C-alpha atoms as a PDB file:
ATOM      1  CA  UNK A   1     -14.884-133.026 291.667  1.00  0.00           C
ATOM      2  CA  UNK A   2     -14.100-134.846 288.329  1.00  0.00           C
ATOM      3  CA  UNK A   3     -11.584-137.177 289.894  1.00  0.00           C
ATOM      4  CA  UNK A   4     -13.490-137.967 293.151  1.00  0.00           C
ATOM      5  CA  UNK A   5     -16.739-138.545 291.210  1.00  0.00           C
ATOM      6  CA  UNK A   6     -14.858-140.862 288.752  1.00  0.00           C
ATOM      7  CA  UNK A   7     -13.362-142.794 291.639  1.00  0.00           C
ATOM      8  CA  UNK A   8     -16.898-143.033 293.179  1.00  0.00           C
ATOM      9  CA  UNK A   9     -18.181-144.294 289.855  1.00  0.00           C
ATOM     10  CA  UNK A  10     -15.364-146.974 289.526  1.00  0.00           C
ATOM     11  CA  UNK A  11     -15.999-148.149 293.120  1.00  0.00           C
ATOM     12  CA  UNK A  12     -19.679-148.581 292.386  1.00  0.00           C
ATOM     13  CA  UNK A  13     -19.142-151.031 289.579  1.00  0.00           C
ATOM     14  CA  UNK A  14     -19.124-154.829 290.043  1.00  0.00           C
ATOM     15  CA  UNK A  15     -16.486-155.634 287.386  1.00  0.00           C
ATOM     16  CA  UNK A  16     -14.068-153.333 285.406  1.00  0.00           C
ATOM     17  CA  UNK A  17     -15.805-154.519 282.298  1.00  0.00           C
ATOM     18  CA  UNK A  18     -18.807-152.489 283.423  1.00  0.00           C
ATOM     19  CA  UNK A  19     -16.949-149.201 283.004  1.00  0.00           C
ATOM     20  CA  UNK A  20     -19.036-147.108 280.575  1.00  0.00           C
ATOM     21  CA  UNK A  21     -17.232-143.960 279.401  1.00  0.00           C
ATOM     22  CA  UNK A  22     -20.413-142.406 277.980  1.00  0.00           C
ATOM     23  CA  UNK A  23     -22.328-143.024 281.139  1.00  0.00           C
ATOM     24  CA  UNK A  24     -19.467-141.656 283.221  1.00  0.00           C
ATOM     25  CA  UNK A  25     -19.039-138.416 281.262  1.00  0.00           C
ATOM     26  CA  UNK A  26     -22.825-137.789 281.211  1.00  0.00           C
ATOM     27  CA  UNK A  27     -23.011-138.355 285.113  1.00  0.00           C
ATOM     28  CA  UNK A  28     -20.035-135.893 285.547  1.00  0.00           C
ATOM     29  CA  UNK A  29     -21.819-133.311 283.267  1.00  0.00           C
ATOM     30  CA  UNK A  30     -24.748-133.323 285.734  1.00  0.00           C
ATOM     31  CA  UNK A  31     -22.478-132.295 288.494  1.00  0.00           C
ATOM     32  CA  UNK A  32     -20.677-129.397 286.624  1.00  0.00           C
ATOM     33  CA  UNK A  33     -21.288-125.914 287.866  1.00  0.00           C
ATOM     34  CA  UNK A  34     -19.586-124.151 284.875  1.00  0.00           C
ATOM     35  CA  UNK A  35     -20.125-124.195 281.167  1.00  0.00           C
ATOM     36  CA  UNK A  36     -16.369-124.565 280.635  1.00  0.00           C
ATOM     37  CA  UNK A  37     -16.482-127.904 282.483  1.00  0.00           C
ATOM     38  CA  UNK A  38     -19.565-129.166 280.683  1.00  0.00           C
ATOM     39  CA  UNK A  39     -17.859-128.148 277.480  1.00  0.00           C
ATOM     40  CA  UNK A  40     -14.654-129.964 278.462  1.00  0.00           C
ATOM     41  CA  UNK A  41     -16.613-133.226 279.200  1.00  0.00           C
ATOM     42  CA  UNK A  42     -18.484-133.034 275.859  1.00  0.00           C
ATOM     43  CA  UNK A  43     -15.186-132.453 273.968  1.00  0.00           C
ATOM     44  CA  UNK A  44     -13.552-135.252 275.824  1.00  0.00           C
ATOM     45  CA  UNK A  45     -16.390-137.638 274.979  1.00  0.00           C
ATOM     46  CA  UNK A  46     -16.152-136.679 271.388  1.00  0.00           C
ATOM     47  CA  UNK A  47     -12.346-137.065 271.206  1.00  0.00           C
ATOM     48  CA  UNK A  48     -12.569-140.474 272.877  1.00  0.00           C
ATOM     49  CA  UNK A  49     -15.299-141.524 270.382  1.00  0.00           C
ATOM     50  CA  UNK A  50     -13.272-140.437 267.425  1.00  0.00           C
ATOM     51  CA  UNK A  51     -10.056-142.148 268.539  1.00  0.00           C
ATOM     52  CA  UNK A  52      -8.841-145.325 266.961  1.00  0.00           C
ATOM     53  CA  UNK A  53      -6.257-147.838 268.309  1.00  0.00           C
ATOM     54  CA  UNK A  54      -3.306-146.237 266.557  1.00  0.00           C
ATOM     55  CA  UNK A  55      -3.931-142.750 267.499  1.00  0.00           C
ATOM     56  CA  UNK A  56      -1.574-141.078 269.931  1.00  0.00           C
ATOM     57  CA  UNK A  57      -2.667-139.632 273.205  1.00  0.00           C
ATOM     58  CA  UNK A  58      -0.667-136.435 273.193  1.00  0.00           C
ATOM     59  CA  UNK A  59      -2.209-134.681 270.151  1.00  0.00           C
ATOM     60  CA  UNK A  60      -5.725-135.373 271.373  1.00  0.00           C
ATOM     61  CA  UNK A  61      -5.192-134.336 274.897  1.00  0.00           C
ATOM     62  CA  UNK A  62      -3.256-131.308 273.876  1.00  0.00           C
ATOM     63  CA  UNK A  63      -6.174-130.174 271.689  1.00  0.00           C
ATOM     64  CA  UNK A  64      -8.536-130.727 274.605  1.00  0.00           C
ATOM     65  CA  UNK A  65      -6.433-128.692 276.963  1.00  0.00           C
ATOM     66  CA  UNK A  66      -5.923-125.884 274.462  1.00  0.00           C
ATOM     67  CA  UNK A  67      -9.679-125.604 273.986  1.00  0.00           C
ATOM     68  CA  UNK A  68     -10.092-123.675 277.182  1.00  0.00           C
ATOM     69  CA  UNK A  69      -7.646-120.771 277.401  1.00  0.00           C
ATOM     70  CA  UNK A  70      -6.360-119.995 280.933  1.00  0.00           C
ATOM     71  CA  UNK A  71      -3.245-117.883 281.601  1.00  0.00           C
ATOM     72  CA  UNK A  72      -0.422-119.872 282.959  1.00  0.00           C
ATOM     73  CA  UNK A  73      -1.692-123.231 282.164  1.00  0.00           C
ATOM     74  CA  UNK A  74      -1.379-125.833 279.370  1.00  0.00           C
ATOM     75  CA  UNK A  75       0.122-129.170 278.751  1.00  0.00           C
ATOM     76  CA  UNK A  76       3.224-128.004 280.605  1.00  0.00           C
ATOM     77  CA  UNK A  77       1.187-127.281 283.732  1.00  0.00           C
ATOM     78  CA  UNK A  78      -2.271-128.608 283.533  1.00  0.00           C
ATOM     79  CA  UNK A  79      -3.132-128.342 287.320  1.00  0.00           C
ATOM     80  CA  UNK A  80      -6.131-126.231 286.868  1.00  0.00           C
ATOM     81  CA  UNK A  81      -9.189-128.407 287.037  1.00  0.00           C
ATOM     82  CA  UNK A  82     -10.549-127.560 283.510  1.00  0.00           C
ATOM     83  CA  UNK A  83      -7.062-128.456 282.140  1.00  0.00           C
ATOM     84  CA  UNK A  84      -6.367-131.487 284.523  1.00  0.00           C
ATOM     85  CA  UNK A  85      -9.693-133.063 283.818  1.00  0.00           C
ATOM     86  CA  UNK A  86      -9.209-133.935 280.149  1.00  0.00           C
ATOM     87  CA  UNK A  87      -5.809-135.500 280.893  1.00  0.00           C
ATOM     88  CA  UNK A  88      -7.199-137.587 283.859  1.00  0.00           C
ATOM     89  CA  UNK A  89     -10.404-138.494 281.987  1.00  0.00           C
ATOM     90  CA  UNK A  90      -8.606-139.262 278.730  1.00  0.00           C
ATOM     91  CA  UNK A  91      -6.236-141.823 280.338  1.00  0.00           C
ATOM     92  CA  UNK A  92      -8.750-143.253 282.618  1.00  0.00           C
ATOM     93  CA  UNK A  93     -11.444-143.703 280.081  1.00  0.00           C
ATOM     94  CA  UNK A  94      -9.288-144.751 277.121  1.00  0.00           C
ATOM     95  CA  UNK A  95      -7.402-147.365 279.163  1.00  0.00           C
ATOM     96  CA  UNK A  96      -9.915-148.402 281.822  1.00  0.00           C
ATOM     97  CA  UNK A  97      -9.436-152.005 280.839  1.00  0.00           C
ATOM     98  CA  UNK A  98      -5.546-151.706 281.271  1.00  0.00           C
ATOM     99  CA  UNK A  99      -4.679-149.862 284.557  1.00  0.00           C
ATOM    100  CA  UNK A 100      -0.980-149.950 284.069  1.00  0.00           C
ATOM    101  CA  UNK A 101      -1.304-148.417 280.519  1.00  0.00           C
ATOM    102  CA  UNK A 102      -3.613-145.754 281.858  1.00  0.00           C
ATOM    103  CA  UNK A 103      -0.967-144.664 284.359  1.00  0.00           C
ATOM    104  CA  UNK A 104       1.862-144.996 281.841  1.00  0.00           C
ATOM    105  CA  UNK A 105      -0.144-142.858 279.473  1.00  0.00           C
ATOM    106  CA  UNK A 106      -0.473-140.108 281.996  1.00  0.00           C
ATOM    107  CA  UNK A 107       3.183-140.004 282.517  1.00  0.00           C
ATOM    108  CA  UNK A 108       3.939-140.019 278.848  1.00  0.00           C
ATOM    109  CA  UNK A 109       1.760-137.000 278.388  1.00  0.00           C
ATOM    110  CA  UNK A 110       4.142-134.851 280.345  1.00  0.00           C
ATOM    111  CA  UNK A 111       3.230-131.747 282.320  1.00  0.00           C
ATOM    112  CA  UNK A 112       2.212-132.323 285.986  1.00  0.00           C
ATOM    113  CA  UNK A 113       2.746-136.086 285.663  1.00  0.00           C
ATOM    114  CA  UNK A 114       2.917-136.966 289.351  1.00  0.00           C
ATOM    115  CA  UNK A 115      -0.493-135.393 290.174  1.00  0.00           C
ATOM    116  CA  UNK A 116      -2.041-136.794 286.967  1.00  0.00           C
ATOM    117  CA  UNK A 117      -0.826-140.237 287.416  1.00  0.00           C
ATOM    118  CA  UNK A 118      -1.806-140.276 291.039  1.00  0.00           C
ATOM    119  CA  UNK A 119      -5.293-139.219 290.099  1.00  0.00           C
ATOM    120  CA  UNK A 120      -5.545-141.904 287.475  1.00  0.00           C
ATOM    121  CA  UNK A 121      -4.069-144.422 289.724  1.00  0.00           C
ATOM    122  CA  UNK A 122      -6.882-143.706 292.208  1.00  0.00           C
ATOM    123  CA  UNK A 123      -9.440-144.218 289.449  1.00  0.00           C
ATOM    124  CA  UNK A 124      -8.041-147.402 288.081  1.00  0.00           C
ATOM    125  CA  UNK A 125      -7.176-148.688 291.482  1.00  0.00           C
ATOM    126  CA  UNK A 126     -10.763-148.328 292.572  1.00  0.00           C
ATOM    127  CA  UNK A 127     -11.897-149.969 289.251  1.00  0.00           C
ATOM    128  CA  UNK A 128      -9.542-152.938 289.309  1.00  0.00           C
ATOM    129  CA  UNK A 129      -8.664-153.284 293.056  1.00  0.00           C
ATOM    130  CA  UNK A 130      -5.498-154.795 294.346  1.00  0.00           C
ATOM    131  CA  UNK A 131      -3.906-157.318 292.079  1.00  0.00           C
ATOM    132  CA  UNK A 132      -1.187-158.472 289.879  1.00  0.00           C
ATOM    133  CA  UNK A 133      -1.294-155.289 287.667  1.00  0.00           C
ATOM    134  CA  UNK A 134       0.227-153.282 290.575  1.00  0.00           C
ATOM    135  CA  UNK A 135       2.084-155.881 292.599  1.00  0.00           C
ATOM    136  CA  UNK A 136       5.347-155.546 290.783  1.00  0.00           C
ATOM    137  CA  UNK A 137       5.324-151.808 291.127  1.00  0.00           C
ATOM    138  CA  UNK A 138       4.685-152.049 294.880  1.00  0.00           C
ATOM    139  CA  UNK A 139       7.356-154.663 295.440  1.00  0.00           C
ATOM    140  CA  UNK A 140       9.983-152.333 293.867  1.00  0.00           C
ATOM    141  CA  UNK A 141       9.264-149.328 296.190  1.00  0.00           C
ATOM    142  CA  UNK A 142      12.017-148.188 298.576  1.00  0.00           C
ATOM    143  CA  UNK A 143      11.294-149.520 302.071  1.00  0.00           C
ATOM    144  CA  UNK A 144      12.815-147.089 304.446  1.00  0.00           C
ATOM    145  CA  UNK A 145      11.058-145.577 307.610  1.00  0.00           C
ATOM    146  CA  UNK A 146       8.364-144.035 305.390  1.00  0.00           C
ATOM    147  CA  UNK A 147       8.667-146.344 302.501  1.00  0.00           C
ATOM    148  CA  UNK A 148       6.664-149.294 300.870  1.00  0.00           C
ATOM    149  CA  UNK A 149       5.428-150.894 304.104  1.00  0.00           C
ATOM    150  CA  UNK A 150       4.538-147.620 305.755  1.00  0.00           C
ATOM    151  CA  UNK A 151       2.630-146.572 302.586  1.00  0.00           C
ATOM    152  CA  UNK A 152       0.884-150.005 302.260  1.00  0.00           C
ATOM    153  CA  UNK A 153      -0.218-149.830 305.989  1.00  0.00           C
ATOM    154  CA  UNK A 154      -1.434-146.267 305.561  1.00  0.00           C
ATOM    155  CA  UNK A 155      -3.434-147.262 302.504  1.00  0.00           C
ATOM    156  CA  UNK A 156      -4.988-150.298 304.289  1.00  0.00           C
ATOM    157  CA  UNK A 157      -5.982-147.919 307.265  1.00  0.00           C
ATOM    158  CA  UNK A 158      -7.501-145.359 304.983  1.00  0.00           C
ATOM    159  CA  UNK A 159      -9.503-148.111 303.288  1.00  0.00           C
ATOM    160  CA  UNK A 160     -11.023-149.050 306.677  1.00  0.00           C
ATOM    161  CA  UNK A 161     -12.094-145.518 307.527  1.00  0.00           C
ATOM    162  CA  UNK A 162     -15.912-145.295 307.901  1.00  0.00           C
ATOM    163  CA  UNK A 163     -17.227-141.791 307.099  1.00  0.00           C
ATOM    164  CA  UNK A 164     -19.853-140.492 309.573  1.00  0.00           C
ATOM    165  CA  UNK A 165     -22.678-140.693 306.956  1.00  0.00           C
ATOM    166  CA  UNK A 166     -21.819-144.420 306.590  1.00  0.00           C
ATOM    167  CA  UNK A 167     -21.701-145.122 310.376  1.00  0.00           C
END
């Protein structure tokens, strides 16, 4: 829910500069069905507000993930939604203006990096759209039978999908 609602929010904005972390987190809180998720959003909002430019990401995100104890999860495996959400929201919100840094931050956090980076990539991609920020990465992808061209064609096809409610 957190990631898809954040992508929806990013798509609704006219420019990346319109990204408002406080407004986003408040909107997400209205959609939460558990107290744990609402608390995670409030904690993430407070941690982001208290962060300065020189602060590292890992200590803050580790503290956010540790706030909700759940057996078998943590920074080494934050796939549970209450643990994944602070990682995703931290990187997407803190670095909304710099999509490459948002994705790089997700990878630097460790843990389930491919999932976290993909989720953040969807958010910042929705916010910034196709452009120079990602062109160099796409150009370096392997291009076998299911490589770069296949992935780019698939992405373009998915972008053209019209959902039944929109038809």
